[in-house]
Amino acid sequence: MDKLSELKKKIAGEVVLSSLPGETIKKWRQIFKVSQIELSKELGMSASVISDYESGRRKSPGIKLIYRIVESIINIDSRKGGETIKEFTSLYESPELNSFIMSMKEFEKPVTIKEFLKGINGEPCYEFEDNNIFGYSLIDSEKAIINFSPTELARVSSLINYHCLIFTNLSRGRSPLVALRLTNLKPGLIVLHGIKKIDEIALRIAKLDKVPLAISYTSTPDNLIKKLEDFNSKH
């Protein structure tokens, strides 16, 4: 199976298995920056029908329609240059990903930064907007730095735009911000774990790039994973 087909299968499978399929369709439509009007035109239906599915006013679309919706979202992005497709399909070029991703989750519906930080004992490092995030990836920074150069780490991180990147096993918290800065990536939220005080250069980079930055004061990586699992069970 080629990378694009694998991506389509992954998205459609998540919608089919979701307890809130409309919210999941909306999440992926927003990730690909496709409007309801664009999607409705591609599908040949009213935008109000798309809105009804996403809001739950209509029951879940059947499997055939779900695949058509996914196909349409992918086609629209492709015509725009396929930037989001490239970000996600790069996953299948990085078999080493699991070597340093300790935990990963995509939420069925977006959650606010404030809500997420509360669940992981996190505190903002500076004042920023309480935007939505669509999921998270917990990264073992030590392994990532050993196995990848900063630019390679940043390329892999592009998979998780619109997500929260949580970096643990840190010495001071500067390296992740420097790595992301090199390729101008802007995740929805960066959380640093294992440090008590933010590095001044890391904070400066976050502010300059307008990337929300926080610290989780959870005691250990294992306890952080437990808090993430507890959060997942509620969302």
C-alpha atoms as a PDB file:
ATOM      1  CA  MET A   1       0.000   0.000   0.000  1.00  0.00           C
ATOM      2  CA  ASP A   2       1.426   3.421  -0.957  1.00  0.00           C
ATOM      3  CA  LYS A   3       1.862   6.209   1.599  1.00  0.00           C
ATOM      4  CA  LEU A   4      -1.161   8.235   0.454  1.00  0.00           C
ATOM      5  CA  SER A   5      -3.467   5.216   0.594  1.00  0.00           C
ATOM      6  CA  GLU A   6      -2.149   4.439   4.075  1.00  0.00           C
ATOM      7  CA  LEU A   7      -2.938   7.995   5.175  1.00  0.00           C
ATOM      8  CA  LYS A   8      -6.478   7.811   3.788  1.00  0.00           C
ATOM      9  CA  LYS A   9      -7.035   4.465   5.494  1.00  0.00           C
ATOM     10  CA  LYS A  10      -5.760   5.834   8.811  1.00  0.00           C
ATOM     11  CA  ILE A  11      -8.034   8.897   8.742  1.00  0.00           C
ATOM     12  CA  ALA A  12     -11.109   6.973   7.591  1.00  0.00           C
ATOM     13  CA  GLY A  13     -10.475   4.284  10.198  1.00  0.00           C
ATOM     14  CA  GLU A  14     -10.287   6.861  12.956  1.00  0.00           C
ATOM     15  CA  VAL A  15     -13.623   8.373  11.866  1.00  0.00           C
ATOM     16  CA  VAL A  16     -15.336   4.971  11.610  1.00  0.00           C
ATOM     17  CA  LEU A  17     -14.140   3.887  15.062  1.00  0.00           C
ATOM     18  CA  SER A  18     -14.768   7.229  16.751  1.00  0.00           C
ATOM     19  CA  SER A  19     -17.609   7.606  19.239  1.00  0.00           C
ATOM     20  CA  LEU A  20     -17.970  11.142  17.858  1.00  0.00           C
ATOM     21  CA  PRO A  21     -17.490  10.708  14.094  1.00  0.00           C
ATOM     22  CA  GLY A  22     -18.734  14.187  13.250  1.00  0.00           C
ATOM     23  CA  GLU A  23     -16.203  15.815  15.566  1.00  0.00           C
ATOM     24  CA  THR A  24     -13.463  13.630  14.092  1.00  0.00           C
ATOM     25  CA  ILE A  25     -14.411  14.614  10.532  1.00  0.00           C
ATOM     26  CA  LYS A  26     -14.319  18.263  11.620  1.00  0.00           C
ATOM     27  CA  LYS A  27     -10.895  17.794  13.223  1.00  0.00           C
ATOM     28  CA  TRP A  28      -9.347  16.388  10.055  1.00  0.00           C
ATOM     29  CA  ARG A  29     -11.059  18.973   7.854  1.00  0.00           C
ATOM     30  CA  GLN A  30      -9.540  21.720  10.030  1.00  0.00           C
ATOM     31  CA  ILE A  31      -6.111  20.073  10.067  1.00  0.00           C
ATOM     32  CA  PHE A  32      -6.136  20.097   6.257  1.00  0.00           C
ATOM     33  CA  LYS A  33      -7.491  23.689   6.260  1.00  0.00           C
ATOM     34  CA  VAL A  34     -10.507  22.749   4.156  1.00  0.00           C
ATOM     35  CA  SER A  35     -13.678  24.798   4.606  1.00  0.00           C
ATOM     36  CA  GLN A  36     -17.142  23.265   4.815  1.00  0.00           C
ATOM     37  CA  ILE A  37     -18.012  24.997   1.548  1.00  0.00           C
ATOM     38  CA  GLU A  38     -14.959  23.560  -0.227  1.00  0.00           C
ATOM     39  CA  LEU A  39     -15.746  20.075   1.051  1.00  0.00           C
ATOM     40  CA  SER A  40     -19.437  20.309   0.131  1.00  0.00           C
ATOM     41  CA  LYS A  41     -18.604  21.381  -3.428  1.00  0.00           C
ATOM     42  CA  GLU A  42     -16.146  18.499  -3.800  1.00  0.00           C
ATOM     43  CA  LEU A  43     -18.806  16.063  -2.574  1.00  0.00           C
ATOM     44  CA  GLY A  44     -21.632  17.652  -4.530  1.00  0.00           C
ATOM     45  CA  MET A  45     -23.807  18.311  -1.486  1.00  0.00           C
ATOM     46  CA  SER A  46     -24.981  21.239   0.614  1.00  0.00           C
ATOM     47  CA  ALA A  47     -22.598  22.790   3.152  1.00  0.00           C
ATOM     48  CA  SER A  48     -25.423  22.513   5.687  1.00  0.00           C
ATOM     49  CA  VAL A  49     -25.251  18.722   5.370  1.00  0.00           C
ATOM     50  CA  ILE A  50     -21.544  18.791   6.268  1.00  0.00           C
ATOM     51  CA  SER A  51     -22.356  21.072   9.198  1.00  0.00           C
ATOM     52  CA  ASP A  52     -25.099  18.707  10.375  1.00  0.00           C
ATOM     53  CA  TYR A  53     -22.749  15.705  10.330  1.00  0.00           C
ATOM     54  CA  GLU A  54     -20.012  17.577  12.195  1.00  0.00           C
ATOM     55  CA  SER A  55     -22.368  18.902  14.846  1.00  0.00           C
ATOM     56  CA  GLY A  56     -24.064  15.547  15.382  1.00  0.00           C
ATOM     57  CA  ARG A  57     -27.455  16.759  14.145  1.00  0.00           C
ATOM     58  CA  ARG A  58     -27.293  13.946  11.591  1.00  0.00           C
ATOM     59  CA  LYS A  59     -26.364  10.409  12.537  1.00  0.00           C
ATOM     60  CA  SER A  60     -22.939   9.140  11.544  1.00  0.00           C
ATOM     61  CA  PRO A  61     -22.382   8.915   7.784  1.00  0.00           C
ATOM     62  CA  GLY A  62     -21.915   5.403   6.481  1.00  0.00           C
ATOM     63  CA  ILE A  63     -18.521   3.923   5.674  1.00  0.00           C
ATOM     64  CA  LYS A  64     -18.817   4.706   1.949  1.00  0.00           C
ATOM     65  CA  LEU A  65     -19.547   8.386   2.605  1.00  0.00           C
ATOM     66  CA  ILE A  66     -16.753   8.588   5.174  1.00  0.00           C
ATOM     67  CA  TYR A  67     -14.277   7.344   2.579  1.00  0.00           C
ATOM     68  CA  ARG A  68     -15.650   9.871   0.071  1.00  0.00           C
ATOM     69  CA  ILE A  69     -15.217  12.659   2.627  1.00  0.00           C
ATOM     70  CA  VAL A  70     -11.628  11.635   3.338  1.00  0.00           C
ATOM     71  CA  GLU A  71     -10.881  11.310  -0.374  1.00  0.00           C
ATOM     72  CA  SER A  72     -12.326  14.780  -0.979  1.00  0.00           C
ATOM     73  CA  ILE A  73     -10.276  16.387   1.811  1.00  0.00           C
ATOM     74  CA  ILE A  74      -7.107  14.789   0.400  1.00  0.00           C
ATOM     75  CA  ASN A  75      -7.957  15.876  -3.169  1.00  0.00           C
ATOM     76  CA  ILE A  76      -8.540  19.481  -2.107  1.00  0.00           C
ATOM     77  CA  ASP A  77      -5.218  19.612  -0.261  1.00  0.00           C
ATOM     78  CA  SER A  78      -3.473  18.037  -3.250  1.00  0.00           C
ATOM     79  CA  ARG A  79      -4.781  20.745  -5.583  1.00  0.00           C
ATOM     80  CA  LYS A  80      -3.480  23.384  -3.163  1.00  0.00           C
ATOM     81  CA  GLY A  81       0.022  21.939  -3.326  1.00  0.00           C
ATOM     82  CA  GLY A  82      -0.331  19.009  -0.923  1.00  0.00           C
ATOM     83  CA  GLU A  83       1.636  20.553   1.959  1.00  0.00           C
ATOM     84  CA  THR A  84      -0.425  18.855   4.678  1.00  0.00           C
ATOM     85  CA  ILE A  85      -0.323  15.545   2.822  1.00  0.00           C
ATOM     86  CA  LYS A  86       3.478  15.786   2.727  1.00  0.00           C
ATOM     87  CA  GLU A  87       3.633  16.427   6.471  1.00  0.00           C
ATOM     88  CA  PHE A  88       1.634  13.331   7.327  1.00  0.00           C
ATOM     89  CA  THR A  89       2.970  10.933   4.705  1.00  0.00           C
ATOM     90  CA  SER A  90       6.525  11.670   5.895  1.00  0.00           C
ATOM     91  CA  LEU A  91       5.586   9.418   8.821  1.00  0.00           C
ATOM     92  CA  TYR A  92       5.962   6.390   6.567  1.00  0.00           C
ATOM     93  CA  GLU A  93       9.499   7.462   5.637  1.00  0.00           C
ATOM     94  CA  SER A  94      10.558   7.433   9.309  1.00  0.00           C
ATOM     95  CA  PRO A  95      10.451   3.859  10.646  1.00  0.00           C
ATOM     96  CA  GLU A  96      12.638   4.971  13.574  1.00  0.00           C
ATOM     97  CA  LEU A  97       9.813   7.142  14.909  1.00  0.00           C
ATOM     98  CA  ASN A  98       8.824   4.631  17.575  1.00  0.00           C
ATOM     99  CA  SER A  99      12.352   4.647  18.962  1.00  0.00           C
ATOM    100  CA  PHE A 100      11.778   7.984  20.657  1.00  0.00           C
ATOM    101  CA  ILE A 101       8.006   8.529  20.687  1.00  0.00           C
ATOM    102  CA  MET A 102       6.958   7.309  24.145  1.00  0.00           C
ATOM    103  CA  SER A 103       3.246   8.018  23.741  1.00  0.00           C
ATOM    104  CA  MET A 104       1.023   9.498  21.043  1.00  0.00           C
ATOM    105  CA  LYS A 105      -2.669  10.289  20.916  1.00  0.00           C
ATOM    106  CA  GLU A 106      -5.102  12.020  18.581  1.00  0.00           C
ATOM    107  CA  PHE A 107      -8.178  13.339  20.342  1.00  0.00           C
ATOM    108  CA  GLU A 108     -11.651  12.609  19.025  1.00  0.00           C
ATOM    109  CA  LYS A 109     -12.397  16.309  19.389  1.00  0.00           C
ATOM    110  CA  PRO A 110     -10.132  19.307  20.074  1.00  0.00           C
ATOM    111  CA  VAL A 111      -9.314  20.333  23.647  1.00  0.00           C
ATOM    112  CA  THR A 112      -8.115  23.684  24.892  1.00  0.00           C
ATOM    113  CA  ILE A 113      -4.517  24.222  25.948  1.00  0.00           C
ATOM    114  CA  LYS A 114      -5.699  25.261  29.407  1.00  0.00           C
ATOM    115  CA  GLU A 115      -7.680  22.046  29.833  1.00  0.00           C
ATOM    116  CA  PHE A 116      -4.772  19.895  28.644  1.00  0.00           C
ATOM    117  CA  LEU A 117      -2.208  21.581  30.894  1.00  0.00           C
ATOM    118  CA  LYS A 118      -4.471  21.121  33.893  1.00  0.00           C
ATOM    119  CA  GLY A 119      -4.513  17.379  33.204  1.00  0.00           C
ATOM    120  CA  ILE A 120      -0.709  17.059  33.134  1.00  0.00           C
ATOM    121  CA  ASN A 121       0.174  19.456  35.954  1.00  0.00           C
ATOM    122  CA  GLY A 122       1.422  22.014  33.450  1.00  0.00           C
ATOM    123  CA  GLU A 123       1.992  25.754  33.715  1.00  0.00           C
ATOM    124  CA  PRO A 124       2.452  28.264  30.856  1.00  0.00           C
ATOM    125  CA  CYS A 125       5.907  29.828  30.575  1.00  0.00           C
ATOM    126  CA  TYR A 126       4.411  33.057  29.261  1.00  0.00           C
ATOM    127  CA  GLU A 127       0.978  34.420  28.379  1.00  0.00           C
ATOM    128  CA  PHE A 128      -0.523  33.100  25.139  1.00  0.00           C
ATOM    129  CA  GLU A 129      -3.943  32.404  23.601  1.00  0.00           C
ATOM    130  CA  ASP A 130      -5.903  29.405  24.866  1.00  0.00           C
ATOM    131  CA  ASN A 131      -6.209  27.715  21.469  1.00  0.00           C
ATOM    132  CA  ASN A 132      -7.323  24.174  20.697  1.00  0.00           C
ATOM    133  CA  ILE A 133      -4.977  21.242  20.163  1.00  0.00           C
ATOM    134  CA  PHE A 134      -5.830  17.989  18.421  1.00  0.00           C
ATOM    135  CA  GLY A 135      -3.522  15.575  20.221  1.00  0.00           C
ATOM    136  CA  TYR A 136      -0.028  15.107  21.606  1.00  0.00           C
ATOM    137  CA  SER A 137       3.236  13.236  21.213  1.00  0.00           C
ATOM    138  CA  LEU A 138       5.526  12.524  24.156  1.00  0.00           C
ATOM    139  CA  ILE A 139       9.134  12.539  22.941  1.00  0.00           C
ATOM    140  CA  ASP A 140      12.163  11.096  24.692  1.00  0.00           C
ATOM    141  CA  SER A 141      14.513  13.988  23.962  1.00  0.00           C
ATOM    142  CA  GLU A 142      17.644  12.077  24.902  1.00  0.00           C
ATOM    143  CA  LYS A 143      16.978   9.289  22.383  1.00  0.00           C
ATOM    144  CA  ALA A 144      15.806  11.726  19.725  1.00  0.00           C
ATOM    145  CA  ILE A 145      18.975  13.796  19.987  1.00  0.00           C
ATOM    146  CA  ILE A 146      21.189  10.687  19.875  1.00  0.00           C
ATOM    147  CA  ASN A 147      19.463   9.234  16.807  1.00  0.00           C
ATOM    148  CA  PHE A 148      18.659  12.371  14.858  1.00  0.00           C
ATOM    149  CA  SER A 149      20.211  15.709  14.005  1.00  0.00           C
ATOM    150  CA  PRO A 150      18.142  18.750  15.023  1.00  0.00           C
ATOM    151  CA  THR A 151      16.894  19.240  11.470  1.00  0.00           C
ATOM    152  CA  GLU A 152      15.794  15.593  11.194  1.00  0.00           C
ATOM    153  CA  LEU A 153      14.022  15.816  14.542  1.00  0.00           C
ATOM    154  CA  ALA A 154      12.245  18.938  13.360  1.00  0.00           C
ATOM    155  CA  ARG A 155      11.175  17.199  10.137  1.00  0.00           C
ATOM    156  CA  VAL A 156       9.639  14.345  12.110  1.00  0.00           C
ATOM    157  CA  SER A 157       7.979  16.852  14.401  1.00  0.00           C
ATOM    158  CA  SER A 158       6.143  18.296  11.422  1.00  0.00           C
ATOM    159  CA  LEU A 159       3.893  15.239  11.710  1.00  0.00           C
ATOM    160  CA  ILE A 160       2.459  16.736  14.840  1.00  0.00           C
ATOM    161  CA  ASN A 161       1.641  20.260  13.830  1.00  0.00           C
ATOM    162  CA  TYR A 162      -1.687  21.144  15.419  1.00  0.00           C
ATOM    163  CA  HIS A 163      -0.642  18.849  18.251  1.00  0.00           C
ATOM    164  CA  CYS A 164       1.209  19.282  21.502  1.00  0.00           C
ATOM    165  CA  LEU A 165       4.813  18.155  21.525  1.00  0.00           C
ATOM    166  CA  ILE A 166       5.924  17.071  24.992  1.00  0.00           C
ATOM    167  CA  PHE A 167       9.678  16.692  25.485  1.00  0.00           C
ATOM    168  CA  THR A 168      10.922  14.692  28.471  1.00  0.00           C
ATOM    169  CA  ASN A 169      14.383  13.571  29.687  1.00  0.00           C
ATOM    170  CA  LEU A 170      15.673  17.115  29.276  1.00  0.00           C
ATOM    171  CA  SER A 171      18.762  18.739  30.735  1.00  0.00           C
ATOM    172  CA  ARG A 172      17.676  22.369  30.299  1.00  0.00           C
ATOM    173  CA  GLY A 173      14.996  22.466  27.599  1.00  0.00           C
ATOM    174  CA  ARG A 174      16.825  24.423  24.939  1.00  0.00           C
ATOM    175  CA  SER A 175      17.469  21.775  22.276  1.00  0.00           C
ATOM    176  CA  PRO A 176      13.830  21.115  21.250  1.00  0.00           C
ATOM    177  CA  LEU A 177      13.182  24.820  20.679  1.00  0.00           C
ATOM    178  CA  VAL A 178      16.402  25.232  18.714  1.00  0.00           C
ATOM    179  CA  ALA A 179      15.591  22.184  16.567  1.00  0.00           C
ATOM    180  CA  LEU A 180      12.112  23.453  15.764  1.00  0.00           C
ATOM    181  CA  ARG A 181      13.427  26.952  15.097  1.00  0.00           C
ATOM    182  CA  LEU A 182      15.754  25.656  12.385  1.00  0.00           C
ATOM    183  CA  THR A 183      12.826  24.631  10.185  1.00  0.00           C
ATOM    184  CA  ASN A 184      10.345  27.266  11.350  1.00  0.00           C
ATOM    185  CA  LEU A 185       7.789  24.704  12.579  1.00  0.00           C
ATOM    186  CA  LYS A 186       5.097  25.934  14.938  1.00  0.00           C
ATOM    187  CA  PRO A 187       3.323  23.200  16.930  1.00  0.00           C
ATOM    188  CA  GLY A 188       0.095  24.061  18.685  1.00  0.00           C
ATOM    189  CA  LEU A 189       1.830  23.692  22.056  1.00  0.00           C
ATOM    190  CA  ILE A 190       5.240  22.660  23.383  1.00  0.00           C
ATOM    191  CA  VAL A 191       5.521  21.206  26.875  1.00  0.00           C
ATOM    192  CA  LEU A 192       8.890  20.619  28.550  1.00  0.00           C
ATOM    193  CA  HIS A 193       9.109  17.969  31.260  1.00  0.00           C
ATOM    194  CA  GLY A 194      11.921  17.203  33.685  1.00  0.00           C
ATOM    195  CA  ILE A 195      13.090  20.761  34.305  1.00  0.00           C
ATOM    196  CA  LYS A 196      12.046  23.205  37.020  1.00  0.00           C
ATOM    197  CA  LYS A 197      12.940  26.453  35.290  1.00  0.00           C
ATOM    198  CA  ILE A 198      12.675  27.496  31.668  1.00  0.00           C
ATOM    199  CA  ASP A 199      15.876  28.178  29.750  1.00  0.00           C
ATOM    200  CA  GLU A 200      16.075  31.853  28.756  1.00  0.00           C
ATOM    201  CA  ILE A 201      16.984  31.133  25.134  1.00  0.00           C
ATOM    202  CA  ALA A 202      14.170  28.564  24.839  1.00  0.00           C
ATOM    203  CA  LEU A 203      11.700  31.129  26.172  1.00  0.00           C
ATOM    204  CA  ARG A 204      13.017  33.795  23.815  1.00  0.00           C
ATOM    205  CA  ILE A 205      12.609  31.479  20.812  1.00  0.00           C
ATOM    206  CA  ALA A 206       9.059  30.548  21.850  1.00  0.00           C
ATOM    207  CA  LYS A 207       8.059  34.184  22.180  1.00  0.00           C
ATOM    208  CA  LEU A 208       9.680  35.210  18.898  1.00  0.00           C
ATOM    209  CA  ASP A 209       7.998  32.360  17.028  1.00  0.00           C
ATOM    210  CA  LYS A 210       4.741  32.814  18.970  1.00  0.00           C
ATOM    211  CA  VAL A 211       4.682  29.147  19.967  1.00  0.00           C
ATOM    212  CA  PRO A 212       2.823  28.370  23.226  1.00  0.00           C
ATOM    213  CA  LEU A 213       5.350  26.979  25.714  1.00  0.00           C
ATOM    214  CA  ALA A 214       4.704  25.325  29.076  1.00  0.00           C
ATOM    215  CA  ILE A 215       6.372  23.151  31.724  1.00  0.00           C
ATOM    216  CA  SER A 216       4.839  20.003  33.213  1.00  0.00           C
ATOM    217  CA  TYR A 217       5.804  19.584  36.856  1.00  0.00           C
ATOM    218  CA  THR A 218       4.730  15.930  36.991  1.00  0.00           C
ATOM    219  CA  SER A 219       7.453  14.066  38.895  1.00  0.00           C
ATOM    220  CA  THR A 220       8.615  11.345  36.462  1.00  0.00           C
ATOM    221  CA  PRO A 221       8.078  10.285  32.818  1.00  0.00           C
ATOM    222  CA  ASP A 222       6.081   7.254  34.026  1.00  0.00           C
ATOM    223  CA  ASN A 223       3.795   9.476  36.090  1.00  0.00           C
ATOM    224  CA  LEU A 224       3.407  11.809  33.132  1.00  0.00           C
ATOM    225  CA  ILE A 225       2.347   8.898  30.929  1.00  0.00           C
ATOM    226  CA  LYS A 226      -0.178   7.909  33.612  1.00  0.00           C
ATOM    227  CA  LYS A 227      -1.605  11.442  33.666  1.00  0.00           C
ATOM    228  CA  LEU A 228      -1.844  11.410  29.873  1.00  0.00           C
ATOM    229  CA  GLU A 229      -3.659   8.074  29.973  1.00  0.00           C
ATOM    230  CA  ASP A 230      -6.078   9.453  32.581  1.00  0.00           C
ATOM    231  CA  PHE A 231      -6.672  12.490  30.383  1.00  0.00           C
ATOM    232  CA  ASN A 232      -7.281  10.265  27.338  1.00  0.00           C
ATOM    233  CA  SER A 233      -9.898   8.255  29.231  1.00  0.00           C
ATOM    234  CA  LYS A 234     -11.901  11.441  29.784  1.00  0.00           C
ATOM    235  CA  HIS A 235     -11.577  12.682  26.217  1.00  0.00           C
END
